[in-house]
């Protein structure tokens, strides 16, 4: 078995990872390779070019993982994926109980702790392109929060991830406009103005916000969360419930499940995938069951 490490060269704990790598005498490390990102989206290309390896190990956060997933999904024969979380939010890693310790990851590989996981596919019909995600896709408010974070990235990095996301949420609320959309999921249709429409393959996003408490990574469908006309006040009233993994207590909060979701309307509403800008409506979001093998411990 051959491992390739795809490393976000901008992570804060890069020296710590390098130290772990140098002192590790595991046989898998001796035959492994390291590839470092040099520019945004570089991890997609690195993953596409690493097809001869059996396992691609992401050293980074949710964004780097998203890029590697997109690179792997473009291959006919897909290597397994591992993750040493070194990002700011690490939502996917938190839900999977992953650690950034190299020895712990190698023990998982030795014990064969690779499980099949679903992957979400976002298709933009107007542009004829696909984007993949492994955690959460969000239309509306969450995508605007992501845009706010990227716009003020350097300044926000002075704070912890929770504070950073809270500031971005507050800033975005004052500029966000609820727009009318149509959501079709299976044979059900929902219409109205939205704060967000969320297709959740895993439970949390936004640095620990458990927005979809019933989402399962390997059940062949998303937990669909529709947040309608919810105000800033109502959102913050429910914030503690969200962090505890409880459903939002509001008449404009709707929960269901679906393997395919079509969202139209709100022509300038943005879409984000795993905390990365993806595009604008209209969009079709489809769950691809058991699309990848992923290393995580038995929970």
Protein backbone atom coordinates (compact mmCIF):
# COMPACT_ATOMS: atom_id res chain seq x y z
CA UNK A 1 0.00 0.00 0.00
CA UNK A 2 1.30 3.45 -0.96
CA UNK A 3 0.35 6.69 0.78
CA UNK A 4 0.54 10.22 -0.61
CA UNK A 5 0.17 13.22 1.72
CA UNK A 6 -1.46 16.28 0.17
CA UNK A 7 -0.47 19.14 2.44
CA UNK A 8 -1.88 22.64 2.68
CA UNK A 9 1.37 24.60 2.86
CA UNK A 10 -0.35 27.47 4.72
CA UNK A 11 -1.47 25.53 7.80
CA UNK A 12 -0.27 26.90 11.14
CA UNK A 13 0.94 23.55 12.45
CA UNK A 14 2.98 22.62 9.40
CA UNK A 15 6.19 22.30 11.45
CA UNK A 16 4.45 19.97 13.89
CA UNK A 17 3.36 17.70 11.05
CA UNK A 18 6.85 17.74 9.55
CA UNK A 19 8.34 16.77 12.91
CA UNK A 20 5.92 13.85 13.24
CA UNK A 21 6.77 12.74 9.71
CA UNK A 22 10.55 12.88 10.24
CA UNK A 23 10.49 10.84 13.45
CA UNK A 24 8.01 8.20 12.26
CA UNK A 25 9.61 4.86 11.35
CA UNK A 26 6.44 3.17 10.10
CA UNK A 27 6.94 1.21 6.87
CA UNK A 28 4.11 3.11 5.18
CA UNK A 29 5.97 6.40 5.73
CA UNK A 30 9.16 5.09 4.17
CA UNK A 31 7.34 4.44 0.88
CA UNK A 32 5.10 7.51 0.95
CA UNK A 33 5.21 10.82 -0.90
CA UNK A 34 4.44 14.41 0.11
CA UNK A 35 2.85 17.02 -2.14
CA UNK A 36 2.42 20.65 -1.06
CA UNK A 37 -0.19 23.10 -2.32
CA UNK A 38 1.19 26.22 -3.97
CA UNK A 39 -2.00 28.12 -4.85
CA UNK A 40 -5.80 27.98 -4.30
CA UNK A 41 -7.43 24.82 -5.72
CA UNK A 42 -3.99 23.23 -6.24
CA UNK A 43 -5.02 20.23 -4.12
CA UNK A 44 -7.58 19.29 -6.81
CA UNK A 45 -4.84 18.90 -9.39
CA UNK A 46 -2.53 17.15 -6.93
CA UNK A 47 -5.26 14.59 -6.18
CA UNK A 48 -5.93 14.06 -9.87
CA UNK A 49 -2.24 13.43 -10.50
CA UNK A 50 -1.78 11.02 -7.57
CA UNK A 51 -3.76 8.16 -9.04
CA UNK A 52 -0.98 5.60 -8.54
CA UNK A 53 -1.29 5.90 -4.74
CA UNK A 54 -3.70 3.79 -2.70
CA UNK A 55 -4.47 6.39 -0.02
CA UNK A 56 -4.42 10.18 -0.23
CA UNK A 57 -3.95 11.73 3.20
CA UNK A 58 -5.15 15.32 3.51
CA UNK A 59 -3.13 17.52 5.86
CA UNK A 60 -5.32 20.60 6.21
CA UNK A 61 -8.86 21.66 6.94
CA UNK A 62 -12.33 21.32 5.43
CA UNK A 63 -11.36 23.36 2.36
CA UNK A 64 -8.32 21.23 1.51
CA UNK A 65 -10.37 18.08 2.06
CA UNK A 66 -13.02 19.42 -0.32
CA UNK A 67 -10.39 20.00 -3.01
CA UNK A 68 -8.99 16.48 -2.66
CA UNK A 69 -12.49 14.99 -2.80
CA UNK A 70 -13.11 16.90 -6.05
CA UNK A 71 -9.83 15.65 -7.48
CA UNK A 72 -10.51 12.04 -6.51
CA UNK A 73 -14.09 12.09 -7.83
CA UNK A 74 -12.70 13.00 -11.25
CA UNK A 75 -10.80 9.69 -11.40
CA UNK A 76 -12.10 6.37 -12.71
CA UNK A 77 -10.23 4.43 -10.02
CA UNK A 78 -10.52 6.34 -6.76
CA UNK A 79 -7.94 6.01 -3.97
CA UNK A 80 -9.09 5.98 -0.36
CA UNK A 81 -8.89 9.23 1.61
CA UNK A 82 -7.55 10.01 5.07
CA UNK A 83 -7.45 13.27 6.98
CA UNK A 84 -5.07 14.82 9.51
CA UNK A 85 -7.16 17.86 10.51
CA UNK A 86 -5.15 21.07 10.61
CA UNK A 87 -7.70 23.70 9.61
CA UNK A 88 -9.55 26.40 11.51
CA UNK A 89 -13.01 24.80 11.74
CA UNK A 90 -12.41 21.06 11.07
CA UNK A 91 -16.14 20.29 11.09
CA UNK A 92 -15.90 17.04 9.16
CA UNK A 93 -13.01 15.80 11.30
CA UNK A 94 -14.83 16.69 14.53
CA UNK A 95 -17.83 14.60 13.55
CA UNK A 96 -15.59 11.64 12.65
CA UNK A 97 -13.51 11.96 15.88
CA UNK A 98 -10.30 12.37 13.91
CA UNK A 99 -6.98 13.51 15.35
CA UNK A 100 -4.05 15.25 13.67
CA UNK A 101 -1.62 12.71 15.13
CA UNK A 102 0.18 10.75 12.43
CA UNK A 103 0.70 7.63 14.57
CA UNK A 104 -3.04 7.39 15.29
CA UNK A 105 -3.85 7.63 11.59
CA UNK A 106 -1.34 4.93 10.66
CA UNK A 107 -2.87 2.61 13.25
CA UNK A 108 -6.24 3.09 11.53
CA UNK A 109 -4.69 2.15 8.21
CA UNK A 110 -3.08 -0.94 9.74
CA UNK A 111 -6.40 -2.01 11.23
CA UNK A 112 -8.30 -1.41 7.98
CA UNK A 113 -10.67 1.23 9.36
CA UNK A 114 -11.80 2.42 5.93
CA UNK A 115 -15.53 2.88 5.43
CA UNK A 116 -17.61 3.75 2.40
CA UNK A 117 -19.01 7.29 2.56
CA UNK A 118 -21.48 9.22 0.45
CA UNK A 119 -20.45 12.26 -1.55
CA UNK A 120 -22.66 15.15 -2.65
CA UNK A 121 -22.65 16.35 -6.25
CA UNK A 122 -23.65 19.92 -7.09
CA UNK A 123 -24.66 20.47 -10.70
CA UNK A 124 -25.16 23.93 -12.18
CA UNK A 125 -27.37 23.35 -15.25
CA UNK A 126 -26.67 26.81 -16.67
CA UNK A 127 -22.92 26.16 -16.62
CA UNK A 128 -22.82 22.38 -17.20
CA UNK A 129 -20.30 21.78 -14.42
CA UNK A 130 -20.18 19.65 -11.28
CA UNK A 131 -18.71 20.33 -7.85
CA UNK A 132 -18.47 17.69 -5.13
CA UNK A 133 -18.70 17.96 -1.35
CA UNK A 134 -18.36 15.55 1.53
CA UNK A 135 -19.77 17.58 4.42
CA UNK A 136 -22.43 20.25 3.81
CA UNK A 137 -23.72 22.35 0.91
CA UNK A 138 -25.61 25.55 1.67
CA UNK A 139 -27.66 27.92 -0.47
CA UNK A 140 -28.29 31.48 0.73
CA UNK A 141 -27.09 32.86 4.03
CA UNK A 142 -24.32 30.34 4.72
CA UNK A 143 -22.81 30.94 1.31
CA UNK A 144 -22.79 34.68 2.02
CA UNK A 145 -21.03 34.01 5.34
CA UNK A 146 -18.37 32.07 3.44
CA UNK A 147 -18.01 35.01 1.05
CA UNK A 148 -17.63 37.39 4.00
CA UNK A 149 -14.95 35.18 5.54
CA UNK A 150 -12.97 35.04 2.31
CA UNK A 151 -13.28 38.81 1.81
CA UNK A 152 -11.84 39.61 5.24
CA UNK A 153 -9.72 36.47 5.62
CA UNK A 154 -6.54 38.05 7.01
CA UNK A 155 -8.30 40.19 9.62
CA UNK A 156 -10.58 37.35 10.80
CA UNK A 157 -7.63 35.01 11.33
CA UNK A 158 -6.68 37.03 14.41
CA UNK A 159 -9.54 35.26 16.22
CA UNK A 160 -10.48 31.69 17.08
CA UNK A 161 -12.67 29.87 14.57
CA UNK A 162 -15.83 30.21 16.70
CA UNK A 163 -15.38 33.97 17.14
CA UNK A 164 -14.42 34.37 13.49
CA UNK A 165 -17.60 32.65 12.28
CA UNK A 166 -19.77 34.56 14.78
CA UNK A 167 -18.45 37.91 13.52
CA UNK A 168 -19.01 36.86 9.91
CA UNK A 169 -22.56 35.72 10.71
CA UNK A 170 -23.44 39.06 12.32
CA UNK A 171 -21.92 41.09 9.45
CA UNK A 172 -23.74 39.00 6.87
CA UNK A 173 -27.13 39.28 8.57
CA UNK A 174 -27.13 43.05 8.09
CA UNK A 175 -26.59 42.74 4.32
CA UNK A 176 -28.47 39.53 3.53
CA UNK A 177 -31.83 39.69 1.77
CA UNK A 178 -34.29 36.79 2.10
CA UNK A 179 -35.26 35.67 -1.41
CA UNK A 180 -38.01 33.50 -2.83
CA UNK A 181 -36.98 30.01 -3.98
CA UNK A 182 -38.56 26.72 -4.96
CA UNK A 183 -37.12 23.57 -3.39
CA UNK A 184 -38.05 20.21 -4.90
CA UNK A 185 -37.01 17.10 -2.96
CA UNK A 186 -38.36 13.76 -4.17
CA UNK A 187 -42.05 14.45 -4.79
CA UNK A 188 -42.27 17.32 -2.31
CA UNK A 189 -42.16 21.00 -3.23
CA UNK A 190 -41.49 23.87 -0.83
CA UNK A 191 -41.75 27.52 -1.86
CA UNK A 192 -40.98 30.67 0.08
CA UNK A 193 -38.36 33.17 1.14
CA UNK A 194 -35.29 31.60 2.70
CA UNK A 195 -32.47 32.28 5.06
CA UNK A 196 -30.77 29.03 3.96
CA UNK A 197 -31.37 25.71 2.26
CA UNK A 198 -28.89 23.10 3.50
CA UNK A 199 -28.06 19.68 2.06
CA UNK A 200 -26.20 17.92 4.86
CA UNK A 201 -24.12 14.80 4.29
CA UNK A 202 -22.66 15.22 7.79
CA UNK A 203 -24.03 17.03 10.82
CA UNK A 204 -22.07 20.24 11.36
CA UNK A 205 -20.64 23.28 9.61
CA UNK A 206 -19.49 26.79 10.54
CA UNK A 207 -17.08 25.63 13.27
CA UNK A 208 -19.28 23.35 15.32
CA UNK A 209 -22.82 24.39 14.33
CA UNK A 210 -24.72 21.09 14.28
CA UNK A 211 -27.26 22.25 11.74
CA UNK A 212 -28.39 18.76 10.69
CA UNK A 213 -28.45 16.54 13.81
CA UNK A 214 -29.86 13.51 11.95
CA UNK A 215 -27.48 13.53 8.97
CA UNK A 216 -25.63 10.27 8.31
CA UNK A 217 -22.51 10.01 6.15
CA UNK A 218 -23.39 6.63 4.62
CA UNK A 219 -27.18 6.42 4.30
CA UNK A 220 -27.55 7.41 0.64
CA UNK A 221 -29.40 10.66 1.30
CA UNK A 222 -29.06 14.16 2.75
CA UNK A 223 -30.75 15.68 5.72
CA UNK A 224 -32.48 18.65 4.10
CA UNK A 225 -32.81 21.73 6.31
CA UNK A 226 -34.85 24.69 5.10
CA UNK A 227 -34.65 27.87 7.14
CA UNK A 228 -37.30 30.31 5.92
CA UNK A 229 -38.03 33.80 7.18
CA UNK A 230 -35.83 33.65 10.28
CA UNK A 231 -34.49 36.89 11.76
CA UNK A 232 -31.12 37.60 13.36
CA UNK A 233 -32.79 37.61 16.77
CA UNK A 234 -34.49 34.25 16.18
CA UNK A 235 -31.26 32.75 14.87
CA UNK A 236 -29.27 33.71 17.96
CA UNK A 237 -32.06 32.57 20.27
CA UNK A 238 -31.60 29.11 18.73
CA UNK A 239 -27.80 29.19 18.53
CA UNK A 240 -27.27 27.23 21.75
CA UNK A 241 -29.71 24.58 20.54
CA UNK A 242 -27.78 24.27 17.27
CA UNK A 243 -24.45 23.83 19.07
CA UNK A 244 -26.02 21.12 21.26
CA UNK A 245 -27.24 19.28 18.16
CA UNK A 246 -30.92 20.07 18.65
CA UNK A 247 -33.34 21.10 15.93
CA UNK A 248 -34.22 24.78 15.62
CA UNK A 249 -37.43 25.60 17.45
CA UNK A 250 -39.11 27.90 14.93
CA UNK A 251 -42.15 27.74 12.66
CA UNK A 252 -39.93 28.59 9.67
CA UNK A 253 -37.49 25.72 10.24
CA UNK A 254 -38.22 22.58 8.20
CA UNK A 255 -36.42 19.22 8.27
CA UNK A 256 -36.68 16.28 5.88
CA UNK A 257 -34.54 13.78 3.94
CA UNK A 258 -33.86 13.42 0.23
CA UNK A 259 -31.25 11.93 -2.13
CA UNK A 260 -31.82 14.63 -4.77
CA UNK A 261 -32.64 18.31 -4.24
CA UNK A 262 -33.45 20.89 -6.93
CA UNK A 263 -33.38 24.58 -5.98
CA UNK A 264 -34.51 27.34 -8.34
CA UNK A 265 -35.33 31.05 -8.04
CA UNK A 266 -33.31 33.73 -6.26
CA UNK A 267 -31.04 34.16 -9.23
CA UNK A 268 -28.26 35.90 -7.29
CA UNK A 269 -28.32 33.53 -4.31
CA UNK A 270 -24.91 31.94 -3.78
CA UNK A 271 -24.03 28.30 -3.12
CA UNK A 272 -21.18 27.02 -0.92
CA UNK A 273 -19.76 23.52 -0.53
CA UNK A 274 -17.73 22.49 2.53
CA UNK A 275 -17.12 26.16 3.34
CA UNK A 276 -15.91 27.01 -0.18
CA UNK A 277 -17.72 29.25 -2.72
CA UNK A 278 -19.31 27.08 -5.43
CA UNK A 279 -21.60 29.20 -7.63
CA UNK A 280 -25.17 30.53 -7.87
CA UNK A 281 -28.69 29.19 -8.39
CA UNK A 282 -30.25 27.26 -10.07
CA UNK A 283 -28.71 24.06 -8.75
CA UNK A 284 -29.30 20.32 -8.51
CA UNK A 285 -27.74 18.54 -5.54
CA UNK A 286 -27.48 14.75 -5.66
CA UNK A 287 -26.18 12.22 -3.13
CA UNK A 288 -23.81 9.62 -4.61
CA UNK A 289 -23.98 6.63 -2.25
CA UNK A 290 -20.74 5.00 -1.06
CA UNK A 291 -18.68 7.04 -3.52
CA UNK A 292 -15.41 6.98 -1.56
CA UNK A 293 -13.47 4.97 0.99
CA UNK A 294 -12.54 7.11 3.99
CA UNK A 295 -10.37 6.26 7.00
CA UNK A 296 -11.98 7.08 10.33
CA UNK A 297 -12.28 5.20 13.64
CA UNK A 298 -15.27 3.06 14.56
CA UNK A 299 -17.63 5.41 16.40
